[in-house]
N, C-alpha and C. Protein backbone atom coordinates (compact mmCIF):
# COMPACT_ATOMS: atom_id res chain seq x y z
N UNK A 1 93.41 -20.49 20.85
CA UNK A 1 92.48 -21.08 19.92
C UNK A 1 91.39 -21.79 20.71
N UNK A 2 90.15 -21.53 20.38
CA UNK A 2 89.05 -22.17 21.08
C UNK A 2 88.69 -23.48 20.41
N UNK A 3 88.28 -24.44 21.21
CA UNK A 3 87.88 -25.71 20.62
C UNK A 3 86.37 -25.77 20.59
N UNK A 4 85.86 -26.32 19.53
CA UNK A 4 84.42 -26.50 19.41
C UNK A 4 84.17 -27.89 18.87
N UNK A 5 82.96 -28.36 19.07
CA UNK A 5 82.59 -29.69 18.61
C UNK A 5 82.60 -29.69 17.09
N UNK A 6 83.40 -30.51 16.50
CA UNK A 6 83.55 -30.54 15.06
C UNK A 6 82.67 -31.64 14.46
N UNK A 7 82.09 -31.36 13.31
CA UNK A 7 81.23 -32.34 12.66
C UNK A 7 82.06 -33.46 12.04
N UNK A 8 83.28 -33.16 11.66
CA UNK A 8 84.11 -34.18 11.04
C UNK A 8 85.14 -34.68 12.02
N UNK A 9 85.41 -35.97 11.99
CA UNK A 9 86.34 -36.54 12.96
C UNK A 9 87.78 -36.10 12.70
N UNK A 10 88.58 -36.20 13.73
CA UNK A 10 89.99 -35.86 13.62
C UNK A 10 90.75 -37.00 12.95
N UNK A 11 92.00 -36.78 12.61
CA UNK A 11 92.82 -37.83 12.02
C UNK A 11 92.94 -39.02 12.95
N UNK A 12 93.03 -38.76 14.25
CA UNK A 12 93.14 -39.85 15.21
C UNK A 12 91.87 -40.70 15.20
N UNK A 13 90.71 -40.05 15.12
CA UNK A 13 89.45 -40.79 15.05
C UNK A 13 89.40 -41.62 13.78
N UNK A 14 89.85 -41.05 12.66
CA UNK A 14 89.83 -41.79 11.41
C UNK A 14 90.76 -42.99 11.46
N UNK A 15 91.83 -42.90 12.21
CA UNK A 15 92.74 -44.03 12.34
C UNK A 15 92.05 -45.19 13.06
N UNK A 16 91.08 -44.88 13.93
CA UNK A 16 90.35 -45.92 14.64
C UNK A 16 89.02 -46.25 13.97
N UNK A 17 88.85 -45.83 12.72
CA UNK A 17 87.60 -46.06 12.01
C UNK A 17 87.37 -47.55 11.80
N UNK A 18 86.11 -47.96 11.73
CA UNK A 18 85.80 -49.37 11.50
C UNK A 18 86.21 -49.79 10.10
N UNK A 19 86.22 -51.08 9.85
CA UNK A 19 86.63 -51.57 8.54
C UNK A 19 85.69 -51.10 7.44
N UNK A 20 86.18 -51.09 6.22
CA UNK A 20 85.40 -50.60 5.10
C UNK A 20 84.47 -51.66 4.51
N UNK A 21 84.60 -52.89 4.90
CA UNK A 21 83.75 -53.95 4.38
C UNK A 21 82.47 -54.00 5.23
N UNK A 22 81.35 -53.51 4.68
CA UNK A 22 80.12 -53.49 5.46
C UNK A 22 79.65 -54.90 5.83
N UNK A 23 79.16 -55.02 7.03
CA UNK A 23 78.60 -56.25 7.58
C UNK A 23 79.59 -57.41 7.68
N UNK A 24 80.88 -57.12 7.58
CA UNK A 24 81.88 -58.16 7.81
C UNK A 24 81.94 -58.43 9.31
N UNK A 25 82.62 -59.49 9.69
CA UNK A 25 82.71 -59.85 11.11
C UNK A 25 83.35 -58.73 11.92
N UNK A 26 84.38 -58.10 11.39
CA UNK A 26 85.04 -57.02 12.13
C UNK A 26 84.16 -55.78 12.18
N UNK A 27 83.38 -55.54 11.13
CA UNK A 27 82.46 -54.40 11.15
C UNK A 27 81.36 -54.63 12.19
N UNK A 28 80.79 -55.82 12.22
CA UNK A 28 79.76 -56.14 13.20
C UNK A 28 80.33 -56.02 14.61
N UNK A 29 81.55 -56.49 14.80
CA UNK A 29 82.19 -56.42 16.12
C UNK A 29 82.38 -54.96 16.58
N UNK A 30 82.57 -54.06 15.62
CA UNK A 30 82.77 -52.65 15.98
C UNK A 30 81.50 -52.01 16.55
N UNK A 31 80.36 -52.66 16.41
CA UNK A 31 79.10 -52.14 16.92
C UNK A 31 78.77 -52.62 18.34
N UNK A 32 79.60 -53.47 18.93
CA UNK A 32 79.28 -54.06 20.24
C UNK A 32 79.17 -52.98 21.32
N UNK A 33 80.12 -52.08 21.40
CA UNK A 33 80.10 -51.03 22.42
C UNK A 33 78.92 -50.08 22.18
N UNK A 34 78.69 -49.72 20.92
CA UNK A 34 77.57 -48.85 20.59
C UNK A 34 76.24 -49.51 20.95
N UNK A 35 76.13 -50.81 20.70
CA UNK A 35 74.90 -51.53 21.02
C UNK A 35 74.63 -51.52 22.53
N UNK A 36 75.66 -51.73 23.32
CA UNK A 36 75.45 -51.72 24.77
C UNK A 36 75.05 -50.32 25.25
N UNK A 37 75.59 -49.29 24.63
CA UNK A 37 75.21 -47.93 24.97
C UNK A 37 73.77 -47.64 24.56
N UNK A 38 73.37 -48.13 23.40
CA UNK A 38 71.99 -47.93 22.93
C UNK A 38 70.99 -48.65 23.83
N UNK A 39 71.36 -49.79 24.37
CA UNK A 39 70.47 -50.53 25.27
C UNK A 39 70.15 -49.73 26.53
N UNK A 40 71.03 -48.81 26.91
CA UNK A 40 70.80 -47.97 28.10
C UNK A 40 69.90 -46.77 27.80
N UNK A 41 69.61 -46.53 26.52
CA UNK A 41 68.74 -45.43 26.15
C UNK A 41 67.29 -45.83 26.47
N UNK A 42 66.54 -44.96 27.17
CA UNK A 42 65.19 -45.34 27.61
C UNK A 42 64.24 -45.76 26.49
N UNK A 43 64.35 -45.11 25.33
CA UNK A 43 63.45 -45.44 24.22
C UNK A 43 63.82 -46.76 23.54
N UNK A 44 65.06 -47.17 23.67
CA UNK A 44 65.51 -48.38 22.98
C UNK A 44 65.62 -49.59 23.90
N UNK A 45 65.43 -49.37 25.19
CA UNK A 45 65.56 -50.47 26.16
C UNK A 45 64.55 -51.58 25.90
N UNK A 46 63.41 -51.23 25.31
CA UNK A 46 62.37 -52.22 25.06
C UNK A 46 62.60 -53.05 23.79
N UNK A 47 63.55 -52.64 22.97
CA UNK A 47 63.83 -53.37 21.72
C UNK A 47 64.43 -54.72 22.04
N UNK A 48 63.98 -55.72 21.31
CA UNK A 48 64.46 -57.08 21.53
C UNK A 48 65.81 -57.33 20.89
N UNK A 49 66.38 -58.49 21.21
CA UNK A 49 67.69 -58.86 20.68
C UNK A 49 67.66 -59.10 19.17
N UNK A 50 66.50 -59.41 18.62
CA UNK A 50 66.41 -59.64 17.18
C UNK A 50 66.53 -58.33 16.40
N UNK A 51 66.15 -57.24 17.03
CA UNK A 51 66.18 -55.94 16.35
C UNK A 51 67.43 -55.14 16.71
N UNK A 52 67.80 -55.16 17.98
CA UNK A 52 68.92 -54.35 18.45
C UNK A 52 70.08 -55.26 18.85
N UNK A 53 70.92 -55.55 17.86
CA UNK A 53 72.13 -56.32 18.08
C UNK A 53 73.19 -55.82 17.12
N UNK A 54 74.45 -56.13 17.33
CA UNK A 54 75.50 -55.58 16.47
C UNK A 54 75.30 -55.88 14.98
N UNK A 55 74.84 -57.07 14.64
CA UNK A 55 74.63 -57.39 13.23
C UNK A 55 73.55 -56.51 12.62
N UNK A 56 72.44 -56.34 13.32
CA UNK A 56 71.34 -55.52 12.80
C UNK A 56 71.73 -54.04 12.73
N UNK A 57 72.56 -53.58 13.66
CA UNK A 57 73.04 -52.20 13.59
C UNK A 57 73.95 -52.01 12.36
N UNK A 58 74.81 -52.99 12.11
CA UNK A 58 75.67 -52.92 10.93
C UNK A 58 74.81 -52.93 9.66
N UNK A 59 73.77 -53.74 9.67
CA UNK A 59 72.86 -53.81 8.52
C UNK A 59 72.11 -52.49 8.33
N UNK A 60 71.68 -51.88 9.43
CA UNK A 60 70.98 -50.59 9.38
C UNK A 60 71.88 -49.51 8.78
N UNK A 61 73.10 -49.41 9.28
CA UNK A 61 74.03 -48.37 8.79
C UNK A 61 74.39 -48.63 7.33
N UNK A 62 74.60 -49.90 6.97
CA UNK A 62 74.89 -50.23 5.58
C UNK A 62 73.69 -49.89 4.69
N UNK A 63 72.48 -50.15 5.16
CA UNK A 63 71.29 -49.81 4.40
C UNK A 63 71.16 -48.32 4.18
N UNK A 64 71.43 -47.54 5.24
CA UNK A 64 71.40 -46.08 5.09
C UNK A 64 72.43 -45.60 4.08
N UNK A 65 73.62 -46.17 4.17
CA UNK A 65 74.69 -45.76 3.26
C UNK A 65 74.31 -46.10 1.81
N UNK A 66 73.79 -47.29 1.59
CA UNK A 66 73.41 -47.70 0.23
C UNK A 66 72.24 -46.85 -0.30
N UNK A 67 71.27 -46.57 0.58
CA UNK A 67 70.12 -45.74 0.19
C UNK A 67 70.61 -44.36 -0.23
N UNK A 68 71.52 -43.79 0.53
CA UNK A 68 72.07 -42.48 0.18
C UNK A 68 72.84 -42.54 -1.12
N UNK A 69 73.61 -43.61 -1.33
CA UNK A 69 74.36 -43.74 -2.59
C UNK A 69 73.42 -43.76 -3.79
N UNK A 70 72.29 -44.45 -3.63
CA UNK A 70 71.37 -44.60 -4.75
C UNK A 70 70.48 -43.39 -4.97
N UNK A 71 70.06 -42.71 -3.90
CA UNK A 71 69.04 -41.68 -4.04
C UNK A 71 69.49 -40.26 -3.73
N UNK A 72 70.65 -40.08 -3.13
CA UNK A 72 71.09 -38.74 -2.75
C UNK A 72 72.49 -38.47 -3.27
N UNK A 73 72.78 -37.23 -3.55
CA UNK A 73 74.12 -36.86 -3.95
C UNK A 73 74.35 -36.88 -5.44
N UNK A 74 75.60 -36.82 -5.79
CA UNK A 74 76.02 -36.66 -7.18
C UNK A 74 75.61 -37.84 -8.07
N UNK A 75 75.64 -39.05 -7.54
CA UNK A 75 75.35 -40.24 -8.34
C UNK A 75 73.90 -40.69 -8.24
N UNK A 76 73.04 -39.84 -7.74
CA UNK A 76 71.64 -40.20 -7.54
C UNK A 76 70.92 -40.38 -8.87
N UNK A 77 69.94 -41.28 -8.86
CA UNK A 77 69.13 -41.49 -10.06
C UNK A 77 68.27 -40.26 -10.35
N UNK A 78 67.68 -39.71 -9.29
CA UNK A 78 66.88 -38.49 -9.43
C UNK A 78 67.78 -37.29 -9.22
N UNK A 79 67.67 -36.29 -10.04
CA UNK A 79 68.54 -35.12 -9.91
C UNK A 79 67.99 -34.10 -8.92
N UNK A 80 66.73 -34.20 -8.54
CA UNK A 80 66.17 -33.28 -7.55
C UNK A 80 65.99 -34.02 -6.24
N UNK A 81 67.08 -34.29 -5.60
CA UNK A 81 67.02 -35.00 -4.33
C UNK A 81 66.64 -34.04 -3.22
N UNK A 82 65.90 -34.54 -2.23
CA UNK A 82 65.30 -33.67 -1.23
C UNK A 82 66.20 -33.21 -0.09
N UNK A 83 67.35 -33.81 0.07
CA UNK A 83 68.26 -33.42 1.14
C UNK A 83 69.68 -33.84 0.80
N UNK A 84 70.62 -33.34 1.57
CA UNK A 84 72.02 -33.72 1.38
C UNK A 84 72.29 -35.03 2.10
N UNK A 85 73.31 -35.72 1.66
CA UNK A 85 73.72 -36.96 2.32
C UNK A 85 74.26 -36.66 3.72
N UNK A 86 74.09 -37.63 4.60
CA UNK A 86 74.76 -37.55 5.90
C UNK A 86 76.22 -37.89 5.61
N UNK A 87 77.17 -37.04 6.01
CA UNK A 87 78.58 -37.30 5.70
C UNK A 87 79.03 -38.67 6.21
N UNK A 88 79.77 -39.36 5.37
CA UNK A 88 80.23 -40.71 5.69
C UNK A 88 81.01 -40.81 7.00
N UNK A 89 81.87 -39.84 7.32
CA UNK A 89 82.60 -39.96 8.60
C UNK A 89 81.68 -40.03 9.81
N UNK A 90 80.49 -39.43 9.73
CA UNK A 90 79.56 -39.51 10.84
C UNK A 90 79.01 -40.93 11.00
N UNK A 91 78.93 -41.67 9.91
CA UNK A 91 78.46 -43.06 9.96
C UNK A 91 79.55 -44.01 10.44
N UNK A 92 80.79 -43.54 10.51
CA UNK A 92 81.91 -44.38 10.94
C UNK A 92 82.23 -44.24 12.42
N UNK A 93 81.67 -43.26 13.07
CA UNK A 93 81.99 -43.01 14.47
C UNK A 93 81.20 -43.95 15.37
N UNK A 94 81.87 -44.93 15.94
CA UNK A 94 81.19 -45.94 16.77
C UNK A 94 81.27 -45.61 18.26
N UNK A 95 81.50 -44.35 18.61
CA UNK A 95 81.62 -43.98 20.02
C UNK A 95 80.26 -44.09 20.72
N UNK A 96 80.31 -44.13 22.04
CA UNK A 96 79.11 -44.37 22.85
C UNK A 96 78.03 -43.30 22.71
N UNK A 97 78.40 -42.07 22.43
CA UNK A 97 77.39 -41.01 22.33
C UNK A 97 77.69 -40.08 21.16
N UNK A 98 78.30 -40.59 20.14
CA UNK A 98 78.69 -39.78 19.00
C UNK A 98 77.57 -39.61 17.98
N UNK A 99 77.92 -39.16 16.79
CA UNK A 99 76.91 -38.90 15.77
C UNK A 99 76.17 -40.15 15.30
N UNK A 100 76.86 -41.28 15.21
CA UNK A 100 76.17 -42.50 14.79
C UNK A 100 75.14 -42.93 15.83
N UNK A 101 75.46 -42.75 17.09
CA UNK A 101 74.51 -43.02 18.17
C UNK A 101 73.25 -42.17 17.96
N UNK A 102 73.43 -40.89 17.66
CA UNK A 102 72.31 -39.97 17.42
C UNK A 102 71.50 -40.41 16.21
N UNK A 103 72.18 -40.83 15.14
CA UNK A 103 71.49 -41.28 13.93
C UNK A 103 70.65 -42.52 14.22
N UNK A 104 71.21 -43.47 14.96
CA UNK A 104 70.49 -44.71 15.25
C UNK A 104 69.29 -44.45 16.16
N UNK A 105 69.46 -43.59 17.15
CA UNK A 105 68.31 -43.25 18.02
C UNK A 105 67.22 -42.59 17.18
N UNK A 106 67.58 -41.70 16.27
CA UNK A 106 66.59 -41.07 15.38
C UNK A 106 65.88 -42.10 14.52
N UNK A 107 66.65 -43.06 14.01
CA UNK A 107 66.05 -44.10 13.18
C UNK A 107 65.05 -44.93 13.97
N UNK A 108 65.41 -45.30 15.19
CA UNK A 108 64.49 -46.10 16.00
C UNK A 108 63.27 -45.29 16.44
N UNK A 109 63.43 -44.01 16.67
CA UNK A 109 62.28 -43.16 16.99
C UNK A 109 61.32 -43.12 15.80
N UNK A 110 61.87 -42.93 14.61
CA UNK A 110 61.04 -42.90 13.41
C UNK A 110 60.34 -44.24 13.21
N UNK A 111 61.07 -45.32 13.44
CA UNK A 111 60.50 -46.66 13.29
C UNK A 111 59.36 -46.88 14.27
N UNK A 112 59.53 -46.46 15.51
CA UNK A 112 58.48 -46.69 16.50
C UNK A 112 57.24 -45.83 16.22
N UNK A 113 57.43 -44.64 15.69
CA UNK A 113 56.29 -43.78 15.36
C UNK A 113 55.60 -44.22 14.08
N UNK A 114 56.31 -44.92 13.22
CA UNK A 114 55.74 -45.38 11.96
C UNK A 114 55.19 -46.79 12.06
N UNK A 115 55.42 -47.45 13.16
CA UNK A 115 54.97 -48.82 13.39
C UNK A 115 55.54 -49.81 12.36
N UNK A 116 56.81 -49.58 11.98
CA UNK A 116 57.50 -50.54 11.12
C UNK A 116 57.93 -51.71 11.96
N UNK A 117 58.05 -52.84 11.33
CA UNK A 117 58.62 -54.00 12.02
C UNK A 117 60.14 -53.98 11.91
N UNK A 118 60.62 -53.70 10.70
CA UNK A 118 62.06 -53.66 10.42
C UNK A 118 62.37 -52.46 9.53
N UNK A 119 63.63 -52.12 9.47
CA UNK A 119 64.07 -51.08 8.54
C UNK A 119 64.18 -51.71 7.16
N UNK A 120 63.75 -50.96 6.14
CA UNK A 120 63.82 -51.47 4.79
C UNK A 120 64.17 -50.31 3.86
N UNK A 121 65.42 -50.29 3.42
CA UNK A 121 65.88 -49.22 2.55
C UNK A 121 65.86 -49.62 1.08
N UNK A 122 65.37 -50.84 0.80
CA UNK A 122 65.37 -51.36 -0.56
C UNK A 122 64.01 -51.17 -1.24
N UNK A 123 62.93 -51.29 -0.48
CA UNK A 123 61.58 -51.23 -1.02
C UNK A 123 61.27 -49.82 -1.53
N UNK A 124 60.97 -49.67 -2.84
CA UNK A 124 60.68 -48.34 -3.38
C UNK A 124 59.42 -47.71 -2.78
N UNK A 125 58.51 -48.51 -2.27
CA UNK A 125 57.29 -47.97 -1.66
C UNK A 125 57.60 -47.21 -0.37
N UNK A 126 58.74 -47.50 0.25
CA UNK A 126 59.12 -46.85 1.50
C UNK A 126 60.10 -45.69 1.30
N UNK A 127 60.24 -45.23 0.05
CA UNK A 127 61.17 -44.15 -0.26
C UNK A 127 60.88 -42.92 0.60
N UNK A 128 59.63 -42.47 0.61
CA UNK A 128 59.29 -41.27 1.37
C UNK A 128 59.52 -41.45 2.86
N UNK A 129 59.24 -42.65 3.37
CA UNK A 129 59.48 -42.92 4.79
C UNK A 129 60.97 -42.90 5.12
N UNK A 130 61.77 -43.44 4.22
CA UNK A 130 63.22 -43.44 4.44
C UNK A 130 63.80 -42.03 4.34
N UNK A 131 63.26 -41.22 3.43
CA UNK A 131 63.69 -39.81 3.35
C UNK A 131 63.32 -39.10 4.64
N UNK A 132 62.12 -39.36 5.17
CA UNK A 132 61.71 -38.75 6.44
C UNK A 132 62.64 -39.19 7.58
N UNK A 133 63.04 -40.45 7.57
CA UNK A 133 63.98 -40.95 8.58
C UNK A 133 65.30 -40.19 8.50
N UNK A 134 65.83 -40.02 7.29
CA UNK A 134 67.10 -39.32 7.13
C UNK A 134 66.97 -37.83 7.47
N UNK A 135 65.83 -37.23 7.15
CA UNK A 135 65.62 -35.82 7.52
C UNK A 135 65.60 -35.66 9.04
N UNK A 136 64.95 -36.60 9.72
CA UNK A 136 64.92 -36.53 11.18
C UNK A 136 66.32 -36.72 11.76
N UNK A 137 67.07 -37.67 11.19
CA UNK A 137 68.45 -37.89 11.64
C UNK A 137 69.28 -36.63 11.41
N UNK A 138 69.10 -36.00 10.25
CA UNK A 138 69.83 -34.78 9.95
C UNK A 138 69.49 -33.67 10.96
N UNK A 139 68.21 -33.51 11.26
CA UNK A 139 67.79 -32.49 12.23
C UNK A 139 68.38 -32.78 13.61
N UNK A 140 68.39 -34.05 14.01
CA UNK A 140 68.97 -34.41 15.31
C UNK A 140 70.48 -34.19 15.34
N UNK A 141 71.15 -34.44 14.21
CA UNK A 141 72.59 -34.19 14.13
C UNK A 141 72.89 -32.69 14.23
N UNK A 142 72.05 -31.89 13.60
CA UNK A 142 72.23 -30.43 13.67
C UNK A 142 71.99 -29.97 15.10
N UNK A 143 70.92 -30.46 15.73
CA UNK A 143 70.61 -30.08 17.11
C UNK A 143 71.69 -30.55 18.08
N UNK A 144 72.31 -31.69 17.79
CA UNK A 144 73.36 -32.22 18.64
C UNK A 144 74.72 -31.58 18.41
N UNK A 145 74.84 -30.74 17.38
CA UNK A 145 76.09 -30.06 17.09
C UNK A 145 77.07 -30.87 16.26
N UNK A 146 76.63 -31.98 15.71
CA UNK A 146 77.52 -32.82 14.89
C UNK A 146 77.54 -32.40 13.44
N UNK A 147 76.55 -31.64 13.02
CA UNK A 147 76.42 -31.27 11.62
C UNK A 147 75.99 -29.81 11.56
N UNK A 148 76.60 -29.07 10.68
CA UNK A 148 76.20 -27.68 10.48
C UNK A 148 75.93 -27.46 9.00
N UNK A 149 75.06 -26.55 8.73
CA UNK A 149 74.77 -26.19 7.35
C UNK A 149 75.61 -24.96 7.01
N UNK A 150 76.01 -24.86 5.75
CA UNK A 150 76.95 -23.80 5.37
C UNK A 150 76.32 -22.41 5.37
N UNK A 151 77.18 -21.44 5.62
CA UNK A 151 76.85 -20.04 5.45
C UNK A 151 77.67 -19.60 4.23
N UNK A 152 76.98 -19.19 3.17
CA UNK A 152 77.62 -18.95 1.89
C UNK A 152 77.58 -17.46 1.55
N UNK A 153 78.74 -16.96 1.15
CA UNK A 153 78.86 -15.59 0.68
C UNK A 153 79.21 -15.63 -0.80
N UNK A 154 78.44 -14.91 -1.62
CA UNK A 154 78.73 -14.82 -3.04
C UNK A 154 79.40 -13.48 -3.30
N UNK A 155 80.58 -13.53 -3.87
CA UNK A 155 81.33 -12.33 -4.21
C UNK A 155 80.59 -11.56 -5.30
N UNK A 156 80.88 -10.27 -5.40
CA UNK A 156 80.25 -9.43 -6.43
C UNK A 156 80.54 -9.94 -7.83
N UNK A 157 81.65 -10.64 -8.00
CA UNK A 157 81.98 -11.15 -9.33
C UNK A 157 80.95 -12.17 -9.83
N UNK A 158 80.24 -12.83 -8.92
CA UNK A 158 79.19 -13.77 -9.33
C UNK A 158 78.04 -12.99 -9.97
N UNK A 159 77.67 -11.89 -9.35
CA UNK A 159 76.58 -11.05 -9.89
C UNK A 159 76.99 -10.43 -11.22
N UNK A 160 78.26 -10.07 -11.34
CA UNK A 160 78.76 -9.42 -12.55
C UNK A 160 79.18 -10.42 -13.61
N UNK A 161 79.16 -11.70 -13.29
CA UNK A 161 79.60 -12.74 -14.21
C UNK A 161 78.61 -12.97 -15.34
N UNK A 162 78.88 -14.00 -16.14
CA UNK A 162 78.05 -14.25 -17.32
C UNK A 162 76.59 -14.60 -17.00
N UNK A 163 76.31 -15.14 -15.81
CA UNK A 163 74.93 -15.50 -15.47
C UNK A 163 74.17 -14.33 -14.86
N UNK A 164 74.88 -13.35 -14.33
CA UNK A 164 74.26 -12.14 -13.80
C UNK A 164 73.36 -12.40 -12.60
N UNK A 165 72.37 -11.54 -12.45
CA UNK A 165 71.43 -11.61 -11.31
C UNK A 165 70.64 -12.91 -11.32
N UNK A 166 70.29 -13.39 -12.50
CA UNK A 166 69.52 -14.63 -12.60
C UNK A 166 70.33 -15.80 -12.06
N UNK A 167 71.59 -15.86 -12.40
CA UNK A 167 72.47 -16.91 -11.91
C UNK A 167 72.66 -16.84 -10.41
N UNK A 168 72.83 -15.62 -9.89
CA UNK A 168 72.99 -15.43 -8.46
C UNK A 168 71.73 -15.88 -7.72
N UNK A 169 70.57 -15.51 -8.22
CA UNK A 169 69.31 -15.93 -7.59
C UNK A 169 69.18 -17.46 -7.61
N UNK A 170 69.61 -18.08 -8.69
CA UNK A 170 69.56 -19.54 -8.79
C UNK A 170 70.48 -20.18 -7.75
N UNK A 171 71.69 -19.66 -7.61
CA UNK A 171 72.63 -20.19 -6.63
C UNK A 171 72.10 -20.02 -5.20
N UNK A 172 71.48 -18.87 -4.94
CA UNK A 172 70.92 -18.62 -3.62
C UNK A 172 69.80 -19.60 -3.30
N UNK A 173 68.95 -19.90 -4.28
CA UNK A 173 67.87 -20.89 -4.07
C UNK A 173 68.43 -22.28 -3.78
N UNK A 174 69.52 -22.63 -4.45
CA UNK A 174 70.16 -23.94 -4.21
C UNK A 174 70.68 -24.02 -2.79
N UNK A 175 71.36 -22.97 -2.35
CA UNK A 175 71.90 -22.94 -0.99
C UNK A 175 70.77 -23.07 0.02
N UNK A 176 69.70 -22.32 -0.16
CA UNK A 176 68.57 -22.35 0.77
C UNK A 176 67.83 -23.68 0.74
N UNK A 177 67.74 -24.30 -0.43
CA UNK A 177 67.07 -25.60 -0.55
C UNK A 177 67.75 -26.66 0.31
N UNK A 178 69.05 -26.54 0.46
CA UNK A 178 69.80 -27.52 1.24
C UNK A 178 70.09 -27.05 2.66
N UNK A 179 69.35 -26.07 3.12
CA UNK A 179 69.46 -25.67 4.51
C UNK A 179 70.57 -24.67 4.80
N UNK A 180 71.24 -24.19 3.80
CA UNK A 180 72.29 -23.21 4.01
C UNK A 180 71.72 -21.80 4.12
N UNK A 181 72.57 -20.88 4.48
CA UNK A 181 72.17 -19.48 4.63
C UNK A 181 73.09 -18.64 3.77
N UNK A 182 72.51 -17.75 2.98
CA UNK A 182 73.30 -16.83 2.18
C UNK A 182 73.53 -15.58 3.01
N UNK A 183 74.79 -15.20 3.18
CA UNK A 183 75.13 -14.01 3.96
C UNK A 183 75.60 -12.92 3.00
N UNK A 184 75.39 -11.69 3.40
CA UNK A 184 75.76 -10.54 2.57
C UNK A 184 77.13 -9.99 2.89
N UNK A 185 77.64 -10.26 4.09
CA UNK A 185 78.96 -9.78 4.51
C UNK A 185 79.88 -10.98 4.74
N UNK A 186 81.13 -10.83 4.38
CA UNK A 186 82.11 -11.91 4.53
C UNK A 186 82.28 -12.32 5.99
N UNK A 187 82.30 -11.38 6.89
CA UNK A 187 82.59 -11.65 8.30
C UNK A 187 81.44 -12.27 9.08
N UNK A 188 80.26 -12.37 8.51
CA UNK A 188 79.09 -12.85 9.26
C UNK A 188 79.04 -14.35 9.29
């Protein structure tokens, strides 16, 4: 069996997951190692202690999670959301160079290019900017091998079903809208 980099953490990783209470003392403490690793990144070395510290990292991740809860996914206020949520397990990985590291570097890159002072996931005027931040993080996660988009095969029964060709075309557009690929053969 070959091993490949998996987007979702193993059971052992989940056992070492940070606490579920966002911004609690133990949650903030779980960012200490990640913060020291981020300080060694050339683009983030210039960030001050007021911006790049364990508390602010916990606040950033909590803000991303809350923004996704409100605007993306099944419970979103808008039904035509522009992208899929970043899977929660990726936000829990506090390793030195894991997916959360990649997400935070993407966020700081977006912040520096946008000339923001702070991250703000609450202000409705910054909705488009926050979506752009999450899209960049998603692209970096895909490039880093932490996230993959699905390859979907629709069986002939979908075409022959009650929705017919129109339903199949609708499903294919949904898959493509979210970055997936529709394949014609099962083995591909």
